[in-house]
Amino acid sequence: MYANSPKKLLIMNILDILRKYTDEDHRLSQKDILDILHNEYQMDVDRKSIKRNLMNLIDFGYDIEYSESIRMVPNSRTGEMEENSILSDFYLVRDFTDSELRLLIDSLLFSKHIPYSQCRKLVEKLEGLSNTYFRSHVKHIRTMPDNALPNKQLFYTIEILDEAIYNGRQVSLIYGKYGTDKKLHPAAYENGKPKRQIINPYQMVTANGRYYLICNNDKYDNTANYRLDRIKEIKLLDTPSKSMKNVRGLENGLDLPKHMAEHIYMFTGESAPVRMRIKKNIINDVIDWFGRDVEFYDETEDEVSVRVKVNLNAMRLWALQYALHAKVLSPDSLVMQVREDIKSAAENYGV
């Protein structure tokens, strides 16, 4: 139970009730609101006050829907019957539908880079954007296993990168990798001193459940894709970022859909045209991985050839993943690499 609320809080309490208890499928009459005010806020008011404050909220810009009906009621002074407008079925139109919130929550649950404790806090914040009926549908967050390797600097890293990209400035950072101790270790020089890199950041993206930065290492002229959860000790610099015009592959700006289709595993390196022959039962997988710009040709009942432009390092891994269903035809250098990879894999199993 709440302590007695001052009358001046009436309008805020009514707004709180609409947020907690209403949506298109759950509506409240003025009497319902009056009862909740009495039971939960220990506030007793008349219906006229309820109606007046609801209208004030609408005038203030809150998107509140309601139904209106006309009833014949006796005039309190004359006793004559007259029309009276009755407002009911009030509900607050929300910025996010339940399905939109569930989509956002699921994206957090399937994320591989957000630590459990932070993920849970974010889910609770998203729950707060809906009402009391929504929370009961997402209790599975309570049993989500804590499998993610934590990087407590992740959200600070995102904030700094967001500011750097917006203002066109460089950042310096230390990039690391995980060891057998499950801890993030920075790349280091021979003397053990961590390597600090100067980076030109262009775009943050998600791929395969992880967060990446599309950027350029200032020492080089090509693009790079950095995992955000492997970035440590990031610093915003005063120096302007290198223009994309001076970065190979970005001369005409960043075409994000094209970049993501070519970098299916977000490897750094060159993209090139690739031809392959696939079983038709993996056409869905090919489109999922490479997008709709793939070109199919020379189709038979069971197979089809494919042309796609893709990062060659990524294509090498993809070819191994789908070796039972796809065969790389060109370029020759990639064909040789995949062939050697398959031989090495067979040797690992004593074949």
Protein backbone atom coordinates (compact mmCIF):
# COMPACT_ATOMS: atom_id res chain seq x y z
CA MET A 1 0.00 0.00 0.00
CA TYR A 2 1.12 3.54 -0.77
CA ALA A 3 1.18 6.28 1.81
CA ASN A 4 -1.56 8.87 1.44
CA SER A 5 -0.92 10.84 -1.76
CA PRO A 6 -1.31 14.63 -1.81
CA LYS A 7 -4.14 15.79 -4.05
CA LYS A 8 -1.69 17.64 -6.26
CA LEU A 9 -0.30 14.24 -7.33
CA LEU A 10 -3.67 13.13 -8.67
CA ILE A 11 -2.80 13.71 -12.32
CA MET A 12 0.51 11.85 -11.98
CA ASN A 13 -1.17 8.94 -10.19
CA ILE A 14 -3.79 8.67 -12.93
CA LEU A 15 -1.02 8.60 -15.56
CA ASP A 16 0.77 5.91 -13.52
CA ILE A 17 -2.42 3.83 -13.44
CA LEU A 18 -2.85 4.11 -17.21
CA ARG A 19 0.76 3.02 -17.73
CA LYS A 20 0.49 0.06 -15.37
CA TYR A 21 -2.95 -1.30 -16.16
CA THR A 22 -4.05 -0.30 -19.63
CA ASP A 23 -3.52 -1.08 -23.28
CA GLU A 24 -5.86 -1.66 -26.22
CA ASP A 25 -7.00 -4.97 -24.68
CA HIS A 26 -7.23 -3.67 -21.10
CA ARG A 27 -9.28 -0.51 -20.64
CA LEU A 28 -10.50 1.29 -17.53
CA SER A 29 -13.64 3.22 -16.76
CA GLN A 30 -13.57 6.32 -14.58
CA LYS A 31 -14.93 4.17 -11.73
CA ASP A 32 -12.11 1.64 -12.24
CA ILE A 33 -9.56 4.44 -11.95
CA LEU A 34 -11.34 5.80 -8.88
CA ASP A 35 -11.21 2.36 -7.20
CA ILE A 36 -7.50 1.88 -7.95
CA LEU A 37 -6.76 5.33 -6.56
CA HIS A 38 -8.55 4.37 -3.36
CA ASN A 39 -7.06 0.86 -3.01
CA GLU A 40 -3.48 1.44 -4.12
CA TYR A 41 -2.84 5.14 -3.63
CA GLN A 42 -5.16 5.76 -0.65
CA MET A 43 -6.62 8.71 -2.54
CA ASP A 44 -10.33 9.47 -2.56
CA VAL A 45 -11.64 11.83 -5.25
CA ASP A 46 -14.84 12.29 -7.23
CA ARG A 47 -15.44 11.29 -10.84
CA LYS A 48 -15.40 14.87 -12.04
CA SER A 49 -11.79 15.16 -10.86
CA ILE A 50 -10.93 11.93 -12.68
CA LYS A 51 -12.45 13.19 -15.92
CA ARG A 52 -10.88 16.64 -15.63
CA ASN A 53 -7.39 15.22 -15.10
CA LEU A 54 -7.78 12.71 -17.91
CA MET A 55 -8.71 15.54 -20.27
CA ASN A 56 -5.72 17.55 -18.99
CA LEU A 57 -3.39 14.65 -19.79
CA ILE A 58 -4.78 14.52 -23.33
CA ASP A 59 -4.31 18.30 -23.64
CA PHE A 60 -0.71 17.87 -22.47
CA GLY A 61 -0.09 15.56 -25.44
CA TYR A 62 -0.49 12.06 -23.95
CA ASP A 63 -2.02 9.63 -26.45
CA ILE A 64 -5.02 8.41 -24.46
CA GLU A 65 -7.92 6.72 -26.23
CA TYR A 66 -11.45 6.41 -24.86
CA SER A 67 -15.02 5.77 -25.91
CA GLU A 68 -17.87 8.25 -25.63
CA SER A 69 -21.56 7.52 -25.22
CA ILE A 70 -24.62 9.73 -24.70
CA ARG A 71 -27.03 9.01 -21.86
CA MET A 72 -30.21 10.75 -20.77
CA VAL A 73 -29.93 11.87 -17.14
CA PRO A 74 -32.10 14.18 -15.01
CA ASN A 75 -30.87 17.73 -14.49
CA SER A 76 -29.96 18.18 -10.81
CA ARG A 77 -31.75 21.55 -10.68
CA THR A 78 -34.78 21.19 -12.92
CA GLY A 79 -35.27 17.44 -12.92
CA GLU A 80 -35.71 17.45 -16.67
CA MET A 81 -34.04 14.70 -18.72
CA GLU A 82 -31.07 15.91 -20.78
CA GLU A 83 -28.20 14.47 -22.75
CA ASN A 84 -24.97 13.78 -20.90
CA SER A 85 -21.67 12.65 -22.43
CA ILE A 86 -20.17 9.63 -20.67
CA LEU A 87 -16.47 8.86 -21.24
CA SER A 88 -15.12 5.38 -20.55
CA ASP A 89 -12.75 2.64 -21.76
CA PHE A 90 -9.63 4.73 -21.22
CA TYR A 91 -6.24 3.34 -22.22
CA LEU A 92 -2.79 4.72 -22.92
CA VAL A 93 -1.49 4.15 -26.46
CA ARG A 94 2.05 2.85 -26.05
CA ASP A 95 5.20 3.72 -27.96
CA PHE A 96 5.95 0.00 -28.37
CA THR A 97 3.56 -2.88 -28.93
CA ASP A 98 4.07 -6.07 -26.92
CA SER A 99 5.36 -7.87 -30.01
CA GLU A 100 7.92 -5.09 -30.61
CA LEU A 101 9.09 -5.29 -26.99
CA ARG A 102 9.39 -9.08 -27.21
CA LEU A 103 11.49 -8.70 -30.35
CA LEU A 104 13.83 -6.30 -28.53
CA ILE A 105 13.99 -8.57 -25.49
CA ASP A 106 14.71 -11.65 -27.60
CA SER A 107 17.54 -9.79 -29.32
CA LEU A 108 19.07 -9.25 -25.88
CA LEU A 109 18.53 -12.85 -24.80
CA PHE A 110 20.22 -14.20 -27.92
CA SER A 111 23.08 -11.73 -27.70
CA LYS A 112 26.48 -13.34 -27.18
CA HIS A 113 28.29 -10.23 -26.00
CA ILE A 114 26.17 -8.72 -23.20
CA PRO A 115 26.92 -10.06 -19.70
CA TYR A 116 23.96 -11.68 -17.91
CA SER A 117 23.59 -9.05 -15.19
CA GLN A 118 23.51 -6.19 -17.70
CA CYS A 119 21.16 -8.12 -19.98
CA ARG A 120 18.74 -8.67 -17.13
CA LYS A 121 18.74 -4.96 -16.22
CA LEU A 122 18.06 -4.00 -19.83
CA VAL A 123 15.20 -6.50 -20.06
CA GLU A 124 13.67 -5.05 -16.89
CA LYS A 125 13.85 -1.57 -18.42
CA LEU A 126 12.12 -2.81 -21.56
CA GLU A 127 9.46 -4.48 -19.42
CA GLY A 128 8.84 -1.09 -17.83
CA LEU A 129 7.78 0.29 -21.20
CA SER A 130 4.72 -1.96 -21.15
CA ASN A 131 2.20 -2.73 -18.42
CA THR A 132 1.68 -5.24 -15.63
CA TYR A 133 0.16 -7.79 -18.01
CA PHE A 134 3.27 -7.94 -20.18
CA ARG A 135 5.80 -8.83 -17.49
CA SER A 136 4.27 -12.25 -16.86
CA HIS A 137 5.26 -13.34 -20.40
CA VAL A 138 9.04 -12.87 -20.10
CA LYS A 139 9.93 -14.69 -16.88
CA HIS A 140 12.33 -16.94 -18.82
CA ILE A 141 14.98 -14.24 -18.34
CA ARG A 142 15.22 -15.43 -14.73
CA THR A 143 16.59 -18.79 -15.82
CA MET A 144 18.84 -17.64 -18.64
CA PRO A 145 22.32 -19.21 -18.12
CA ASP A 146 25.25 -16.89 -17.59
CA ASN A 147 27.37 -18.16 -20.50
CA ALA A 148 28.65 -14.83 -21.80
CA LEU A 149 32.23 -13.84 -21.09
CA PRO A 150 31.84 -10.46 -19.37
CA ASN A 151 33.41 -7.24 -20.53
CA LYS A 152 32.18 -4.60 -18.11
CA GLN A 153 33.53 -1.87 -20.38
CA LEU A 154 31.16 -2.80 -23.24
CA PHE A 155 28.54 -0.11 -22.72
CA TYR A 156 31.15 2.56 -22.09
CA THR A 157 32.84 1.44 -25.33
CA ILE A 158 29.55 1.84 -27.21
CA GLU A 159 29.04 5.34 -25.79
CA ILE A 160 32.53 6.48 -26.80
CA LEU A 161 32.24 4.98 -30.29
CA ASP A 162 28.82 6.55 -30.79
CA GLU A 163 30.23 9.98 -29.92
CA ALA A 164 33.32 9.42 -32.09
CA ILE A 165 31.27 8.36 -35.14
CA TYR A 166 28.81 11.21 -34.72
CA ASN A 167 31.57 13.82 -34.43
CA GLY A 168 33.96 12.23 -36.96
CA ARG A 169 36.80 11.68 -34.49
CA GLN A 170 39.41 8.98 -33.96
CA VAL A 171 39.67 6.70 -30.95
CA SER A 172 42.56 4.83 -29.42
CA LEU A 173 42.00 1.38 -27.96
CA ILE A 174 43.56 -1.87 -26.90
CA TYR A 175 42.27 -4.98 -28.68
CA GLY A 176 42.40 -8.37 -27.01
CA LYS A 177 41.58 -12.05 -27.24
CA TYR A 178 40.49 -14.63 -24.71
CA GLY A 179 42.88 -17.14 -23.19
CA THR A 180 42.32 -20.54 -21.59
CA ASP A 181 41.70 -18.72 -18.32
CA LYS A 182 38.57 -17.23 -19.96
CA LYS A 183 39.94 -13.74 -19.45
CA LEU A 184 40.45 -11.06 -22.08
CA HIS A 185 44.15 -10.46 -22.73
CA PRO A 186 45.37 -7.43 -24.70
CA ALA A 187 47.55 -7.77 -27.78
CA ALA A 188 51.06 -6.87 -26.63
CA TYR A 189 54.54 -6.05 -27.88
CA GLU A 190 57.47 -8.39 -27.19
CA ASN A 191 58.26 -6.47 -24.00
CA GLY A 192 54.73 -7.20 -22.74
CA LYS A 193 53.43 -3.64 -23.13
CA PRO A 194 49.84 -3.61 -24.50
CA LYS A 195 49.48 -2.43 -28.09
CA ARG A 196 47.39 0.73 -28.37
CA GLN A 197 45.84 1.26 -31.80
CA ILE A 198 44.53 4.42 -33.46
CA ILE A 199 41.19 3.65 -35.10
CA ASN A 200 38.91 5.53 -37.50
CA PRO A 201 35.37 4.33 -36.58
CA TYR A 202 32.58 4.40 -39.16
CA GLN A 203 29.67 2.17 -38.11
CA MET A 204 28.59 -0.23 -35.34
CA VAL A 205 26.64 -3.31 -36.45
CA THR A 206 25.39 -6.63 -35.10
CA ALA A 207 26.18 -9.90 -36.86
CA ASN A 208 25.81 -13.51 -35.71
CA GLY A 209 24.66 -12.35 -32.28
CA ARG A 210 27.70 -10.11 -31.71
CA TYR A 211 28.47 -6.41 -31.89
CA TYR A 212 31.11 -5.20 -34.37
CA LEU A 213 32.76 -1.93 -35.33
CA ILE A 214 33.38 -1.29 -39.03
CA CYS A 215 36.49 0.85 -39.03
CA ASN A 216 39.98 1.49 -40.33
CA ASN A 217 43.24 1.00 -38.45
CA ASP A 218 45.01 4.28 -39.07
CA LYS A 219 48.24 2.46 -40.05
CA TYR A 220 46.58 0.85 -43.05
CA ASP A 221 44.29 1.75 -45.95
CA ASN A 222 41.75 -1.10 -45.75
CA THR A 223 38.61 -1.75 -43.69
CA ALA A 224 38.58 -3.76 -40.47
CA ASN A 225 35.83 -5.30 -38.35
CA TYR A 226 36.49 -5.24 -34.59
CA ARG A 227 34.47 -7.14 -31.98
CA LEU A 228 33.23 -4.59 -29.44
CA ASP A 229 33.44 -7.02 -26.54
CA ARG A 230 37.19 -7.40 -27.20
CA ILE A 231 37.91 -3.68 -26.98
CA LYS A 232 39.48 -2.36 -23.78
CA GLU A 233 40.56 1.05 -22.48
CA ILE A 234 39.02 3.04 -25.31
CA LYS A 235 39.75 6.77 -25.47
CA LEU A 236 38.14 9.50 -27.55
CA LEU A 237 40.72 11.56 -29.42
CA ASP A 238 40.59 15.14 -30.66
CA THR A 239 41.93 14.22 -34.10
CA PRO A 240 39.47 13.88 -37.01
CA SER A 241 38.79 10.46 -38.52
CA LYS A 242 40.30 9.49 -41.85
CA SER A 243 37.88 10.10 -44.70
CA MET A 244 36.26 6.96 -46.12
CA LYS A 245 37.46 8.13 -49.52
CA ASN A 246 40.97 7.16 -48.41
CA VAL A 247 39.97 3.65 -47.31
CA ARG A 248 39.95 0.80 -49.81
CA GLY A 249 36.42 -0.49 -50.34
CA LEU A 250 34.82 2.65 -48.89
CA GLU A 251 35.76 5.14 -51.60
CA ASN A 252 32.06 5.67 -52.37
CA GLY A 253 30.93 5.50 -48.75
CA LEU A 254 29.74 2.59 -46.65
CA ASP A 255 27.06 0.50 -48.33
CA LEU A 256 26.03 -1.34 -45.17
CA PRO A 257 23.81 -4.10 -46.68
CA LYS A 258 26.53 -4.85 -49.26
CA HIS A 259 29.26 -4.84 -46.61
CA MET A 260 27.32 -7.22 -44.34
CA ALA A 261 26.53 -9.60 -47.22
CA GLU A 262 30.20 -9.73 -48.22
CA HIS A 263 31.50 -10.14 -44.65
CA ILE A 264 29.34 -13.01 -43.42
CA TYR A 265 31.69 -13.78 -40.52
CA MET A 266 32.91 -10.19 -40.18
CA PHE A 267 36.47 -11.16 -41.11
CA THR A 268 38.85 -8.44 -42.22
CA GLY A 269 40.17 -8.78 -45.76
CA GLU A 270 39.35 -8.35 -49.42
CA SER A 271 36.10 -9.30 -51.13
CA ALA A 272 36.12 -10.93 -54.55
CA PRO A 273 33.73 -12.69 -56.95
CA VAL A 274 33.24 -16.37 -56.09
CA ARG A 275 31.54 -19.13 -58.08
CA MET A 276 30.25 -22.33 -56.50
CA ARG A 277 28.00 -25.29 -57.24
CA ILE A 278 25.43 -26.11 -54.57
CA LYS A 279 22.70 -28.60 -53.80
CA LYS A 280 19.35 -26.88 -54.17
CA ASN A 281 18.33 -27.90 -50.65
CA ILE A 282 20.59 -25.17 -49.23
CA ILE A 283 19.27 -22.28 -51.34
CA ASN A 284 17.59 -20.88 -48.22
CA ASP A 285 20.93 -20.95 -46.38
CA VAL A 286 22.72 -19.25 -49.26
CA ILE A 287 20.22 -16.40 -49.33
CA ASP A 288 20.32 -16.13 -45.51
CA TRP A 289 24.10 -15.81 -45.55
CA PHE A 290 24.74 -13.80 -48.72
CA GLY A 291 21.54 -11.83 -49.24
CA ARG A 292 19.38 -11.41 -52.32
CA ASP A 293 22.17 -10.12 -54.57
CA VAL A 294 23.38 -13.67 -55.21
CA GLU A 295 23.07 -14.82 -58.81
CA PHE A 296 21.81 -18.32 -59.61
CA TYR A 297 22.48 -19.93 -63.00
CA ASP A 298 22.91 -23.28 -64.78
CA GLU A 299 20.09 -24.90 -62.81
CA THR A 300 19.34 -28.64 -62.90
CA GLU A 301 16.81 -30.66 -60.95
CA ASP A 302 19.09 -31.07 -57.90
CA GLU A 303 21.86 -28.46 -58.26
CA VAL A 304 22.46 -24.85 -59.22
CA SER A 305 25.52 -22.65 -59.67
CA VAL A 306 25.95 -19.45 -57.69
CA ARG A 307 27.87 -16.21 -58.20
CA VAL A 308 28.48 -13.99 -55.19
CA LYS A 309 30.94 -11.33 -54.10
CA VAL A 310 32.24 -12.15 -50.64
CA ASN A 311 35.17 -11.82 -48.27
CA LEU A 312 37.53 -14.64 -49.26
CA ASN A 313 38.54 -15.52 -45.69
CA ALA A 314 34.88 -15.82 -44.75
CA MET A 315 34.11 -17.85 -47.88
CA ARG A 316 36.89 -20.29 -47.02
CA LEU A 317 35.24 -21.00 -43.66
CA TRP A 318 31.76 -21.13 -45.16
CA ALA A 319 32.89 -23.64 -47.78
CA LEU A 320 34.10 -25.97 -45.01
CA GLN A 321 30.87 -25.54 -43.07
CA TYR A 322 28.82 -26.50 -46.15
CA ALA A 323 31.32 -28.90 -47.74
CA LEU A 324 28.72 -31.67 -48.03
CA HIS A 325 26.40 -29.43 -50.03
CA ALA A 326 28.58 -26.90 -51.88
CA LYS A 327 31.73 -26.92 -54.00
CA VAL A 328 33.79 -23.79 -54.74
CA LEU A 329 34.57 -23.42 -58.46
CA SER A 330 36.58 -20.18 -58.48
CA PRO A 331 38.82 -18.37 -57.84
CA ASP A 332 41.48 -21.06 -58.17
CA SER A 333 43.40 -19.85 -55.12
CA LEU A 334 40.32 -20.32 -52.93
CA VAL A 335 39.65 -23.76 -54.43
CA MET A 336 43.18 -24.84 -53.49
CA GLN A 337 42.84 -23.46 -49.94
CA VAL A 338 39.57 -25.29 -49.34
CA ARG A 339 41.01 -28.49 -50.81
CA GLU A 340 43.98 -28.33 -48.43
CA ASP A 341 41.69 -27.51 -45.50
CA ILE A 342 39.59 -30.60 -46.20
CA LYS A 343 42.73 -32.76 -46.42
CA SER A 344 43.96 -31.40 -43.10
CA ALA A 345 40.56 -31.98 -41.50
CA ALA A 346 40.55 -35.59 -42.73
CA GLU A 347 44.04 -36.10 -41.29
CA ASN A 348 42.79 -34.89 -37.91
CA TYR A 349 40.41 -37.85 -37.93
CA GLY A 350 43.02 -40.31 -39.15
CA VAL A 351 41.59 -40.59 -42.64
